[in-house]
Amino acid sequence: MDGLDWAASAMNAARRRLETAAENLANASTGGFRKRAVRGFLTALGAQTNVVAGETQGALRRTGGAADLALLGPGAFRVRDSSGRIETTRDGAFSRDGAGRLVDVRGRALMSERGPLCFPAGARLNVDGAVVDGSRVIDRLPMPRGTTVRVGFLEASNVDATSEMVDLIAAQRSFETAERVFAAIDGTRQKSSDDVGRLR
């Protein structure tokens, strides 16, 4: 790789940091959002990056809502949209629809091991995800081992807005520096090409 390629890869890496920090800031108040982090490394192809999701637990906020759920530990809620597509979310702000299912603000149904989760009158959700009616377990939320669910709580985003603003500014400066290096190398090459042309 030559200098232009290295500078271009540095610009791409800085731009990805910018985009990731902006996404984190935009979701600072989104329930259950896990901040993304950019991991950079050097290869023969220049500066490369990977974006990974953070695993830090967001703070729990008590709401008292019977359909508000928060996960403690890894994993996510599985939800199904009207087209049948399954997605995952950490945002446990659910409500009951007309059919008694738990749905999120986008109308996606919370999925259990047996399909859309419904609560019969008098049933309860245990911390291990079991739906219990009387003394019988009638359904269960699929959760990783060691994860528990809290009813009447919501998980906040784990984004620290201040640190994301600092990272946003640092990424912007890195991009501008790489851009100046790119322009300087390109200008030098252009000048050299013009000089050779005049010599001929």
N, C-alpha and C. Protein backbone atom coordinates (compact mmCIF):
# COMPACT_ATOMS: atom_id res chain seq x y z
N MET A 1 0.85 -1.20 0.00
CA MET A 1 0.00 0.00 0.00
C MET A 1 0.88 1.24 0.00
N ASP A 2 0.43 2.27 -0.72
CA ASP A 2 1.17 3.53 -0.70
C ASP A 2 0.53 4.49 0.31
N GLY A 3 1.11 5.69 0.39
CA GLY A 3 0.64 6.66 1.38
C GLY A 3 -0.81 7.05 1.21
N LEU A 4 -1.26 7.19 -0.06
CA LEU A 4 -2.66 7.55 -0.30
C LEU A 4 -3.61 6.49 0.24
N ASP A 5 -3.27 5.22 0.01
CA ASP A 5 -4.13 4.14 0.49
C ASP A 5 -4.19 4.12 2.01
N TRP A 6 -3.04 4.33 2.67
CA TRP A 6 -3.01 4.37 4.13
C TRP A 6 -3.86 5.53 4.66
N ALA A 7 -3.72 6.69 4.06
CA ALA A 7 -4.49 7.85 4.50
C ALA A 7 -5.99 7.61 4.28
N ALA A 8 -6.33 6.99 3.14
CA ALA A 8 -7.74 6.71 2.86
C ALA A 8 -8.31 5.73 3.88
N SER A 9 -7.52 4.70 4.25
CA SER A 9 -8.00 3.74 5.24
C SER A 9 -8.18 4.40 6.61
N ALA A 10 -7.29 5.34 6.94
CA ALA A 10 -7.42 6.07 8.20
C ALA A 10 -8.68 6.93 8.20
N MET A 11 -8.99 7.54 7.05
CA MET A 11 -10.23 8.33 6.94
C MET A 11 -11.46 7.45 7.13
N ASN A 12 -11.43 6.26 6.51
CA ASN A 12 -12.57 5.34 6.65
C ASN A 12 -12.76 4.89 8.09
N ALA A 13 -11.64 4.62 8.78
CA ALA A 13 -11.72 4.20 10.17
C ALA A 13 -12.28 5.32 11.05
N ALA A 14 -11.82 6.55 10.81
CA ALA A 14 -12.33 7.69 11.58
C ALA A 14 -13.79 7.93 11.30
N ARG A 15 -14.20 7.77 10.05
CA ARG A 15 -15.61 7.96 9.70
C ARG A 15 -16.49 6.93 10.41
N ARG A 16 -16.00 5.71 10.51
CA ARG A 16 -16.78 4.68 11.21
C ARG A 16 -16.91 5.01 12.69
N ARG A 17 -15.84 5.54 13.28
CA ARG A 17 -15.93 5.99 14.68
C ARG A 17 -16.96 7.10 14.83
N LEU A 18 -16.96 8.03 13.88
CA LEU A 18 -17.94 9.13 13.89
C LEU A 18 -19.36 8.59 13.83
N GLU A 19 -19.60 7.69 12.88
CA GLU A 19 -20.95 7.14 12.70
C GLU A 19 -21.41 6.36 13.92
N THR A 20 -20.47 5.61 14.53
CA THR A 20 -20.83 4.81 15.70
C THR A 20 -21.13 5.69 16.90
N ALA A 21 -20.31 6.71 17.12
CA ALA A 21 -20.56 7.64 18.23
C ALA A 21 -21.88 8.37 18.04
N ALA A 22 -22.18 8.77 16.79
CA ALA A 22 -23.45 9.46 16.51
C ALA A 22 -24.63 8.53 16.77
N GLU A 23 -24.51 7.25 16.40
CA GLU A 23 -25.58 6.29 16.66
C GLU A 23 -25.78 6.10 18.16
N ASN A 24 -24.67 6.00 18.91
CA ASN A 24 -24.78 5.86 20.36
C ASN A 24 -25.49 7.05 20.98
N LEU A 25 -25.10 8.25 20.56
CA LEU A 25 -25.74 9.45 21.10
C LEU A 25 -27.22 9.49 20.77
N ALA A 26 -27.57 9.09 19.55
CA ALA A 26 -28.98 9.11 19.14
C ALA A 26 -29.82 8.13 19.96
N ASN A 27 -29.17 7.11 20.54
CA ASN A 27 -29.90 6.10 21.32
C ASN A 27 -29.65 6.20 22.81
N ALA A 28 -29.15 7.35 23.26
CA ALA A 28 -28.83 7.52 24.68
C ALA A 28 -30.07 7.37 25.57
N SER A 29 -31.26 7.63 25.01
CA SER A 29 -32.48 7.50 25.80
C SER A 29 -33.35 6.34 25.34
N THR A 30 -32.81 5.46 24.49
CA THR A 30 -33.55 4.29 24.02
C THR A 30 -33.42 3.16 25.03
N GLY A 31 -34.54 2.68 25.52
CA GLY A 31 -34.52 1.64 26.54
C GLY A 31 -33.77 0.40 26.11
N GLY A 32 -32.86 -0.08 26.98
CA GLY A 32 -32.14 -1.31 26.74
C GLY A 32 -31.05 -1.25 25.68
N PHE A 33 -30.80 -0.06 25.11
CA PHE A 33 -29.80 0.02 24.04
C PHE A 33 -28.41 -0.25 24.59
N ARG A 34 -27.64 -1.08 23.89
CA ARG A 34 -26.26 -1.36 24.26
C ARG A 34 -25.35 -0.58 23.31
N LYS A 35 -24.52 0.27 23.88
CA LYS A 35 -23.63 1.10 23.06
C LYS A 35 -22.72 0.24 22.20
N ARG A 36 -22.38 0.76 21.04
CA ARG A 36 -21.43 0.11 20.14
C ARG A 36 -20.05 0.71 20.36
N ALA A 37 -19.04 -0.09 20.16
CA ALA A 37 -17.65 0.38 20.27
C ALA A 37 -16.90 -0.04 19.02
N VAL A 38 -15.99 0.82 18.58
CA VAL A 38 -15.18 0.54 17.40
C VAL A 38 -13.81 0.05 17.85
N ARG A 39 -13.41 -1.10 17.36
CA ARG A 39 -12.09 -1.64 17.64
C ARG A 39 -11.24 -1.51 16.37
N GLY A 40 -10.11 -0.81 16.48
CA GLY A 40 -9.25 -0.59 15.32
C GLY A 40 -8.00 -1.44 15.36
N PHE A 41 -7.48 -1.80 14.20
CA PHE A 41 -6.25 -2.56 14.10
C PHE A 41 -5.62 -2.31 12.73
N LEU A 42 -4.33 -2.53 12.67
CA LEU A 42 -3.59 -2.31 11.43
C LEU A 42 -3.33 -3.63 10.72
N THR A 43 -3.50 -3.62 9.41
CA THR A 43 -3.22 -4.78 8.59
C THR A 43 -2.42 -4.32 7.37
N ALA A 44 -2.13 -5.27 6.50
CA ALA A 44 -1.43 -4.92 5.26
C ALA A 44 -2.30 -4.05 4.37
N LEU A 45 -3.59 -4.01 4.65
CA LEU A 45 -4.52 -3.18 3.88
C LEU A 45 -4.80 -1.85 4.56
N GLY A 46 -4.05 -1.54 5.59
CA GLY A 46 -4.22 -0.26 6.29
C GLY A 46 -5.02 -0.40 7.57
N ALA A 47 -5.60 0.72 7.99
CA ALA A 47 -6.39 0.73 9.22
C ALA A 47 -7.74 0.06 8.98
N GLN A 48 -8.06 -0.93 9.80
CA GLN A 48 -9.32 -1.65 9.70
C GLN A 48 -10.07 -1.53 11.02
N THR A 49 -11.39 -1.70 10.97
CA THR A 49 -12.19 -1.56 12.19
C THR A 49 -13.26 -2.66 12.27
N ASN A 50 -13.62 -2.97 13.48
CA ASN A 50 -14.78 -3.83 13.78
C ASN A 50 -15.66 -3.08 14.77
N VAL A 51 -16.97 -3.19 14.60
CA VAL A 51 -17.90 -2.60 15.56
C VAL A 51 -18.48 -3.71 16.41
N VAL A 52 -18.37 -3.57 17.73
CA VAL A 52 -18.88 -4.58 18.65
C VAL A 52 -19.85 -3.93 19.62
N ALA A 53 -20.82 -4.71 20.07
CA ALA A 53 -21.80 -4.20 21.04
C ALA A 53 -21.26 -4.38 22.44
N GLY A 54 -21.45 -3.37 23.27
CA GLY A 54 -21.02 -3.45 24.66
C GLY A 54 -21.89 -4.42 25.45
N GLU A 55 -21.36 -4.96 26.53
CA GLU A 55 -22.09 -5.91 27.36
C GLU A 55 -22.46 -5.33 28.72
N THR A 56 -22.13 -4.06 28.95
CA THR A 56 -22.42 -3.46 30.25
C THR A 56 -23.93 -3.34 30.46
N GLN A 57 -24.38 -3.79 31.60
CA GLN A 57 -25.80 -3.73 31.93
C GLN A 57 -26.24 -2.28 32.12
N GLY A 58 -27.37 -1.91 31.50
CA GLY A 58 -27.95 -0.60 31.73
C GLY A 58 -28.63 -0.56 33.09
N ALA A 59 -28.77 0.62 33.65
CA ALA A 59 -29.43 0.76 34.96
C ALA A 59 -30.90 0.37 34.86
N LEU A 60 -31.43 -0.23 35.93
CA LEU A 60 -32.85 -0.59 35.96
C LEU A 60 -33.65 0.53 36.63
N ARG A 61 -34.79 0.83 36.01
CA ARG A 61 -35.69 1.87 36.54
C ARG A 61 -37.02 1.22 36.90
N ARG A 62 -37.44 1.39 38.15
CA ARG A 62 -38.71 0.81 38.58
C ARG A 62 -39.88 1.60 38.00
N THR A 63 -40.80 0.90 37.36
CA THR A 63 -42.00 1.53 36.80
C THR A 63 -43.27 1.02 37.48
N GLY A 64 -43.22 -0.21 37.97
CA GLY A 64 -44.40 -0.82 38.55
C GLY A 64 -45.36 -1.37 37.51
N GLY A 65 -45.06 -1.15 36.23
CA GLY A 65 -45.95 -1.64 35.17
C GLY A 65 -45.94 -3.15 35.08
N ALA A 66 -47.11 -3.75 35.02
CA ALA A 66 -47.21 -5.21 35.00
C ALA A 66 -46.64 -5.81 33.72
N ALA A 67 -46.55 -5.02 32.66
CA ALA A 67 -46.03 -5.52 31.38
C ALA A 67 -44.64 -4.98 31.08
N ASP A 68 -44.05 -4.24 32.02
CA ASP A 68 -42.68 -3.74 31.83
C ASP A 68 -41.70 -4.80 32.33
N LEU A 69 -40.77 -5.19 31.45
CA LEU A 69 -39.83 -6.26 31.77
C LEU A 69 -38.40 -5.80 31.54
N ALA A 70 -37.51 -6.24 32.39
CA ALA A 70 -36.09 -5.93 32.24
C ALA A 70 -35.28 -7.20 32.42
N LEU A 71 -34.28 -7.38 31.57
CA LEU A 71 -33.38 -8.53 31.67
C LEU A 71 -32.15 -8.17 32.48
N LEU A 72 -31.76 -9.07 33.36
CA LEU A 72 -30.50 -8.94 34.09
C LEU A 72 -29.58 -10.04 33.58
N GLY A 73 -28.55 -9.63 32.83
CA GLY A 73 -27.65 -10.60 32.23
C GLY A 73 -27.69 -10.50 30.71
N PRO A 74 -27.01 -11.42 30.04
CA PRO A 74 -26.96 -11.36 28.57
C PRO A 74 -28.27 -11.79 27.93
N GLY A 75 -28.32 -11.68 26.61
CA GLY A 75 -29.52 -12.09 25.89
C GLY A 75 -30.41 -10.92 25.56
N ALA A 76 -31.56 -11.23 24.97
CA ALA A 76 -32.51 -10.20 24.55
C ALA A 76 -33.89 -10.83 24.41
N PHE A 77 -34.91 -9.97 24.40
CA PHE A 77 -36.26 -10.44 24.13
C PHE A 77 -36.39 -10.72 22.63
N ARG A 78 -37.12 -11.77 22.29
CA ARG A 78 -37.42 -12.06 20.90
C ARG A 78 -38.81 -11.53 20.59
N VAL A 79 -38.93 -10.75 19.54
CA VAL A 79 -40.22 -10.18 19.16
C VAL A 79 -40.49 -10.49 17.69
N ARG A 80 -41.78 -10.61 17.34
CA ARG A 80 -42.17 -10.93 15.97
C ARG A 80 -43.06 -9.83 15.42
N ASP A 81 -42.71 -9.33 14.23
CA ASP A 81 -43.52 -8.27 13.63
C ASP A 81 -44.67 -8.86 12.83
N SER A 82 -45.47 -7.99 12.22
CA SER A 82 -46.67 -8.44 11.53
C SER A 82 -46.38 -9.30 10.31
N SER A 83 -45.15 -9.21 9.77
CA SER A 83 -44.78 -10.03 8.62
C SER A 83 -44.21 -11.38 9.03
N GLY A 84 -44.08 -11.61 10.34
CA GLY A 84 -43.56 -12.87 10.84
C GLY A 84 -42.07 -12.87 11.09
N ARG A 85 -41.41 -11.73 10.86
CA ARG A 85 -39.96 -11.66 11.06
C ARG A 85 -39.64 -11.57 12.55
N ILE A 86 -38.66 -12.38 12.99
CA ILE A 86 -38.23 -12.38 14.39
C ILE A 86 -37.05 -11.44 14.55
N GLU A 87 -37.13 -10.55 15.55
CA GLU A 87 -36.04 -9.63 15.87
C GLU A 87 -35.75 -9.72 17.36
N THR A 88 -34.67 -9.08 17.80
CA THR A 88 -34.33 -9.06 19.21
C THR A 88 -34.25 -7.63 19.72
N THR A 89 -34.54 -7.45 20.99
CA THR A 89 -34.48 -6.14 21.61
C THR A 89 -34.25 -6.31 23.11
N ARG A 90 -33.60 -5.32 23.71
CA ARG A 90 -33.46 -5.29 25.16
C ARG A 90 -34.53 -4.39 25.78
N ASP A 91 -35.26 -3.67 24.96
CA ASP A 91 -36.29 -2.75 25.46
C ASP A 91 -37.52 -3.57 25.86
N GLY A 92 -37.80 -3.60 27.16
CA GLY A 92 -38.90 -4.42 27.67
C GLY A 92 -40.17 -3.66 27.96
N ALA A 93 -40.39 -2.52 27.29
CA ALA A 93 -41.62 -1.74 27.50
C ALA A 93 -42.73 -2.36 26.65
N PHE A 94 -43.49 -3.27 27.26
CA PHE A 94 -44.57 -3.96 26.56
C PHE A 94 -45.92 -3.52 27.11
N SER A 95 -46.95 -3.84 26.36
CA SER A 95 -48.33 -3.62 26.82
C SER A 95 -49.19 -4.74 26.25
N ARG A 96 -50.37 -4.93 26.80
CA ARG A 96 -51.26 -5.98 26.33
C ARG A 96 -52.09 -5.46 25.15
N ASP A 97 -52.20 -6.29 24.11
CA ASP A 97 -53.08 -5.91 23.00
C ASP A 97 -54.45 -6.54 23.21
N GLY A 98 -55.33 -6.39 22.24
CA GLY A 98 -56.70 -6.89 22.38
C GLY A 98 -56.78 -8.39 22.52
N ALA A 99 -55.76 -9.11 22.06
CA ALA A 99 -55.76 -10.57 22.15
C ALA A 99 -55.05 -11.07 23.40
N GLY A 100 -54.61 -10.12 24.25
CA GLY A 100 -53.93 -10.51 25.48
C GLY A 100 -52.45 -10.77 25.32
N ARG A 101 -51.92 -10.52 24.13
CA ARG A 101 -50.49 -10.71 23.91
C ARG A 101 -49.72 -9.49 24.42
N LEU A 102 -48.45 -9.70 24.74
CA LEU A 102 -47.59 -8.57 25.09
C LEU A 102 -46.92 -8.07 23.81
N VAL A 103 -47.07 -6.77 23.53
CA VAL A 103 -46.50 -6.18 22.32
C VAL A 103 -45.72 -4.92 22.70
N ASP A 104 -44.72 -4.59 21.87
CA ASP A 104 -43.96 -3.37 22.12
C ASP A 104 -44.61 -2.19 21.40
N VAL A 105 -43.96 -1.02 21.43
CA VAL A 105 -44.55 0.19 20.86
C VAL A 105 -44.70 0.09 19.35
N ARG A 106 -43.97 -0.82 18.72
CA ARG A 106 -44.07 -1.02 17.27
C ARG A 106 -45.05 -2.12 16.91
N GLY A 107 -45.73 -2.65 17.91
CA GLY A 107 -46.71 -3.69 17.66
C GLY A 107 -46.13 -5.08 17.51
N ARG A 108 -44.85 -5.25 17.80
CA ARG A 108 -44.22 -6.56 17.68
C ARG A 108 -44.54 -7.41 18.92
N ALA A 109 -44.91 -8.65 18.70
CA ALA A 109 -45.33 -9.53 19.79
C ALA A 109 -44.12 -10.16 20.47
N LEU A 110 -44.13 -10.15 21.81
CA LEU A 110 -43.09 -10.81 22.58
C LEU A 110 -43.25 -12.32 22.42
N MET A 111 -42.15 -12.99 22.06
CA MET A 111 -42.22 -14.43 21.79
C MET A 111 -41.75 -15.24 23.00
N SER A 112 -42.50 -16.30 23.27
CA SER A 112 -42.11 -17.27 24.30
C SER A 112 -41.63 -18.52 23.58
N GLU A 113 -41.44 -19.60 24.32
CA GLU A 113 -41.03 -20.85 23.69
C GLU A 113 -42.15 -21.46 22.85
N ARG A 114 -43.40 -21.03 23.10
CA ARG A 114 -44.54 -21.62 22.39
C ARG A 114 -45.20 -20.67 21.40
N GLY A 115 -44.64 -19.49 21.23
CA GLY A 115 -45.24 -18.52 20.33
C GLY A 115 -45.43 -17.19 21.03
N PRO A 116 -46.33 -16.31 20.53
CA PRO A 116 -46.57 -15.03 21.19
C PRO A 116 -46.99 -15.23 22.64
N LEU A 117 -46.38 -14.48 23.53
CA LEU A 117 -46.62 -14.66 24.96
C LEU A 117 -47.95 -14.05 25.39
N CYS A 118 -48.78 -14.87 26.02
CA CYS A 118 -50.06 -14.41 26.57
C CYS A 118 -50.12 -14.78 28.05
N PHE A 119 -50.72 -13.90 28.84
CA PHE A 119 -50.87 -14.16 30.27
C PHE A 119 -52.34 -14.42 30.58
N PRO A 120 -52.68 -15.61 31.02
CA PRO A 120 -54.05 -15.82 31.52
C PRO A 120 -54.27 -14.99 32.78
N ALA A 121 -55.50 -14.71 33.10
CA ALA A 121 -55.82 -13.95 34.31
C ALA A 121 -55.25 -14.70 35.52
N GLY A 122 -54.49 -13.99 36.34
CA GLY A 122 -53.93 -14.58 37.55
C GLY A 122 -52.57 -15.22 37.38
N ALA A 123 -52.08 -15.30 36.14
CA ALA A 123 -50.75 -15.89 35.92
C ALA A 123 -49.66 -14.90 36.32
N ARG A 124 -48.46 -15.41 36.52
CA ARG A 124 -47.34 -14.55 36.89
C ARG A 124 -46.09 -14.98 36.12
N LEU A 125 -45.15 -14.07 36.01
CA LEU A 125 -43.88 -14.35 35.35
C LEU A 125 -42.80 -14.41 36.41
N ASN A 126 -42.15 -15.55 36.52
CA ASN A 126 -41.08 -15.72 37.50
C ASN A 126 -39.77 -15.13 36.97
N VAL A 127 -38.81 -14.94 37.88
CA VAL A 127 -37.52 -14.36 37.50
C VAL A 127 -36.76 -15.22 36.50
N ASP A 128 -37.05 -16.53 36.47
CA ASP A 128 -36.36 -17.42 35.52
C ASP A 128 -37.05 -17.47 34.16
N GLY A 129 -38.08 -16.63 33.97
CA GLY A 129 -38.78 -16.57 32.69
C GLY A 129 -39.95 -17.51 32.57
N ALA A 130 -40.25 -18.28 33.63
CA ALA A 130 -41.37 -19.22 33.59
C ALA A 130 -42.68 -18.47 33.81
N VAL A 131 -43.68 -18.78 32.96
CA VAL A 131 -45.03 -18.24 33.14
C VAL A 131 -45.80 -19.29 33.94
N VAL A 132 -46.23 -18.91 35.15
CA VAL A 132 -46.85 -19.85 36.07
C VAL A 132 -48.32 -19.48 36.28
N ASP A 133 -49.20 -20.48 36.10
CA ASP A 133 -50.63 -20.32 36.35
C ASP A 133 -51.00 -21.28 37.47
N GLY A 134 -51.24 -20.72 38.66
CA GLY A 134 -51.45 -21.57 39.82
C GLY A 134 -50.14 -22.23 40.20
N SER A 135 -50.07 -23.54 40.05
CA SER A 135 -48.82 -24.25 40.34
C SER A 135 -48.20 -24.83 39.07
N ARG A 136 -48.78 -24.52 37.91
CA ARG A 136 -48.30 -25.10 36.64
C ARG A 136 -47.50 -24.09 35.83
N VAL A 137 -46.37 -24.54 35.28
CA VAL A 137 -45.61 -23.73 34.32
C VAL A 137 -46.25 -23.95 32.95
N ILE A 138 -46.84 -22.89 32.39
CA ILE A 138 -47.57 -23.03 31.13
C ILE A 138 -46.79 -22.49 29.93
N ASP A 139 -45.73 -21.75 30.20
CA ASP A 139 -44.93 -21.21 29.09
C ASP A 139 -43.63 -20.68 29.70
N ARG A 140 -42.74 -20.22 28.82
CA ARG A 140 -41.46 -19.73 29.32
C ARG A 140 -40.84 -18.78 28.31
N LEU A 141 -40.20 -17.73 28.81
CA LEU A 141 -39.41 -16.86 27.94
C LEU A 141 -38.06 -17.52 27.69
N PRO A 142 -37.62 -17.61 26.44
CA PRO A 142 -36.28 -18.17 26.19
C PRO A 142 -35.21 -17.18 26.61
N MET A 143 -34.35 -17.59 27.53
CA MET A 143 -33.29 -16.72 28.02
C MET A 143 -32.02 -17.53 28.21
N PRO A 144 -30.86 -16.90 28.05
CA PRO A 144 -29.60 -17.61 28.30
C PRO A 144 -29.48 -18.02 29.77
N ARG A 145 -28.70 -19.06 30.01
CA ARG A 145 -28.46 -19.51 31.38
C ARG A 145 -27.85 -18.37 32.20
N GLY A 146 -28.37 -18.15 33.40
CA GLY A 146 -27.85 -17.11 34.27
C GLY A 146 -28.56 -15.78 34.14
N THR A 147 -29.40 -15.62 33.11
CA THR A 147 -30.15 -14.38 32.93
C THR A 147 -31.49 -14.48 33.65
N THR A 148 -31.89 -13.38 34.27
CA THR A 148 -33.19 -13.33 34.95
C THR A 148 -34.00 -12.15 34.41
N VAL A 149 -35.29 -12.20 34.67
CA VAL A 149 -36.18 -11.13 34.22
C VAL A 149 -36.86 -10.50 35.42
N ARG A 150 -36.96 -9.17 35.40
CA ARG A 150 -37.62 -8.44 36.49
C ARG A 150 -38.90 -7.80 35.94
N VAL A 151 -40.00 -8.04 36.59
CA VAL A 151 -41.29 -7.45 36.19
C VAL A 151 -41.46 -6.12 36.91
N GLY A 152 -41.94 -5.10 36.18
CA GLY A 152 -42.14 -3.79 36.77
C GLY A 152 -40.92 -2.91 36.71
N PHE A 153 -39.93 -3.31 35.89
CA PHE A 153 -38.71 -2.53 35.70
C PHE A 153 -38.42 -2.39 34.21
N LEU A 154 -37.68 -1.35 33.86
CA LEU A 154 -37.18 -1.17 32.51
C LEU A 154 -35.68 -0.91 32.57
N GLU A 155 -34.96 -1.43 31.60
CA GLU A 155 -33.51 -1.20 31.52
C GLU A 155 -33.24 0.04 30.70
N ALA A 156 -32.41 0.93 31.22
CA ALA A 156 -32.04 2.14 30.49
C ALA A 156 -30.89 1.83 29.53
N SER A 157 -30.64 2.75 28.61
CA SER A 157 -29.49 2.65 27.73
C SER A 157 -28.21 2.71 28.57
N ASN A 158 -27.16 2.01 28.13
CA ASN A 158 -25.88 2.08 28.85
C ASN A 158 -24.93 3.11 28.24
N VAL A 159 -25.47 4.01 27.40
CA VAL A 159 -24.64 5.03 26.75
C VAL A 159 -24.35 6.17 27.73
N ASP A 160 -23.07 6.54 27.83
CA ASP A 160 -22.65 7.72 28.58
C ASP A 160 -22.50 8.85 27.57
N ALA A 161 -23.46 9.79 27.56
CA ALA A 161 -23.49 10.83 26.53
C ALA A 161 -22.22 11.68 26.53
N THR A 162 -21.66 11.95 27.70
CA THR A 162 -20.46 12.79 27.77
C THR A 162 -19.27 12.12 27.09
N SER A 163 -19.05 10.83 27.38
CA SER A 163 -17.91 10.13 26.77
C SER A 163 -18.11 9.97 25.27
N GLU A 164 -19.37 9.83 24.84
CA GLU A 164 -19.63 9.71 23.41
C GLU A 164 -19.35 11.02 22.68
N MET A 165 -19.65 12.15 23.34
CA MET A 165 -19.34 13.45 22.73
C MET A 165 -17.83 13.63 22.60
N VAL A 166 -17.08 13.19 23.62
CA VAL A 166 -15.62 13.27 23.56
C VAL A 166 -15.10 12.41 22.41
N ASP A 167 -15.65 11.21 22.26
CA ASP A 167 -15.21 10.32 21.19
C ASP A 167 -15.59 10.87 19.82
N LEU A 168 -16.74 11.52 19.75
CA LEU A 168 -17.18 12.13 18.50
C LEU A 168 -16.21 13.21 18.05
N ILE A 169 -15.79 14.05 18.99
CA ILE A 169 -14.85 15.13 18.68
C ILE A 169 -13.49 14.55 18.28
N ALA A 170 -13.03 13.53 19.01
CA ALA A 170 -11.74 12.91 18.70
C ALA A 170 -11.77 12.26 17.31
N ALA A 171 -12.88 11.61 16.98
CA ALA A 171 -13.00 10.97 15.66
C ALA A 171 -13.02 12.01 14.56
N GLN A 172 -13.69 13.13 14.81
CA GLN A 172 -13.73 14.21 13.82
C GLN A 172 -12.32 14.75 13.56
N ARG A 173 -11.55 14.93 14.62
CA ARG A 173 -10.18 15.43 14.47
C ARG A 173 -9.30 14.42 13.74
N SER A 174 -9.48 13.13 14.04
CA SER A 174 -8.72 12.09 13.35
C SER A 174 -9.04 12.09 11.86
N PHE A 175 -10.32 12.25 11.54
CA PHE A 175 -10.71 12.29 10.13
C PHE A 175 -10.08 13.48 9.42
N GLU A 176 -10.13 14.64 10.06
CA GLU A 176 -9.57 15.85 9.45
C GLU A 176 -8.06 15.72 9.25
N THR A 177 -7.36 15.11 10.23
CA THR A 177 -5.92 14.91 10.10
C THR A 177 -5.61 13.99 8.92
N ALA A 178 -6.31 12.86 8.84
CA ALA A 178 -6.09 11.93 7.74
C ALA A 178 -6.42 12.57 6.39
N GLU A 179 -7.45 13.42 6.40
CA GLU A 179 -7.84 14.10 5.17
C GLU A 179 -6.75 15.07 4.71
N ARG A 180 -6.13 15.77 5.67
CA ARG A 180 -5.04 16.69 5.32
C ARG A 180 -3.83 15.93 4.79
N VAL A 181 -3.52 14.78 5.40
CA VAL A 181 -2.41 13.96 4.92
C VAL A 181 -2.69 13.48 3.50
N PHE A 182 -3.91 13.03 3.27
CA PHE A 182 -4.29 12.57 1.93
C PHE A 182 -4.12 13.67 0.91
N ALA A 183 -4.61 14.88 1.25
CA ALA A 183 -4.52 16.01 0.32
C ALA A 183 -3.06 16.40 0.07
N ALA A 184 -2.22 16.34 1.12
CA ALA A 184 -0.81 16.71 0.96
C ALA A 184 -0.09 15.72 0.04
N ILE A 185 -0.34 14.43 0.24
CA ILE A 185 0.30 13.42 -0.62
C ILE A 185 -0.18 13.57 -2.06
N ASP A 186 -1.49 13.77 -2.22
CA ASP A 186 -2.03 13.92 -3.56
C ASP A 186 -1.47 15.16 -4.24
N GLY A 187 -1.33 16.25 -3.47
CA GLY A 187 -0.78 17.49 -4.03
C GLY A 187 0.67 17.32 -4.44
N THR A 188 1.45 16.60 -3.61
CA THR A 188 2.85 16.36 -3.94
C THR A 188 2.98 15.52 -5.21
N ARG A 189 2.14 14.52 -5.32
CA ARG A 189 2.16 13.68 -6.52
C ARG A 189 1.79 14.48 -7.77
N GLN A 190 0.80 15.31 -7.62
CA GLN A 190 0.36 16.11 -8.77
C GLN A 190 1.47 17.06 -9.20
N LYS A 191 2.14 17.68 -8.21
CA LYS A 191 3.24 18.60 -8.52
C LYS A 191 4.38 17.86 -9.21
N SER A 192 4.71 16.65 -8.70
CA SER A 192 5.78 15.86 -9.31
C SER A 192 5.44 15.50 -10.75
N SER A 193 4.17 15.16 -10.97
CA SER A 193 3.73 14.81 -12.32
C SER A 193 3.83 15.99 -13.26
N ASP A 194 3.45 17.17 -12.77
CA ASP A 194 3.54 18.39 -13.58
C ASP A 194 4.99 18.73 -13.90
N ASP A 195 5.88 18.56 -12.88
CA ASP A 195 7.31 18.85 -13.10
C ASP A 195 7.90 17.92 -14.16
N VAL A 196 7.54 16.64 -14.10
CA VAL A 196 8.04 15.70 -15.10
C VAL A 196 7.55 16.08 -16.48
N GLY A 197 6.31 16.51 -16.54
CA GLY A 197 5.75 16.92 -17.82
C GLY A 197 6.48 18.11 -18.43
N ARG A 198 6.88 19.07 -17.58
CA ARG A 198 7.60 20.23 -18.08
C ARG A 198 9.00 19.87 -18.55
N LEU A 199 9.66 18.92 -17.82
CA LEU A 199 10.99 18.49 -18.21
C LEU A 199 11.00 17.83 -19.57
N ARG A 200 9.93 17.13 -19.89
CA ARG A 200 9.85 16.49 -21.18
C ARG A 200 9.65 17.51 -22.30
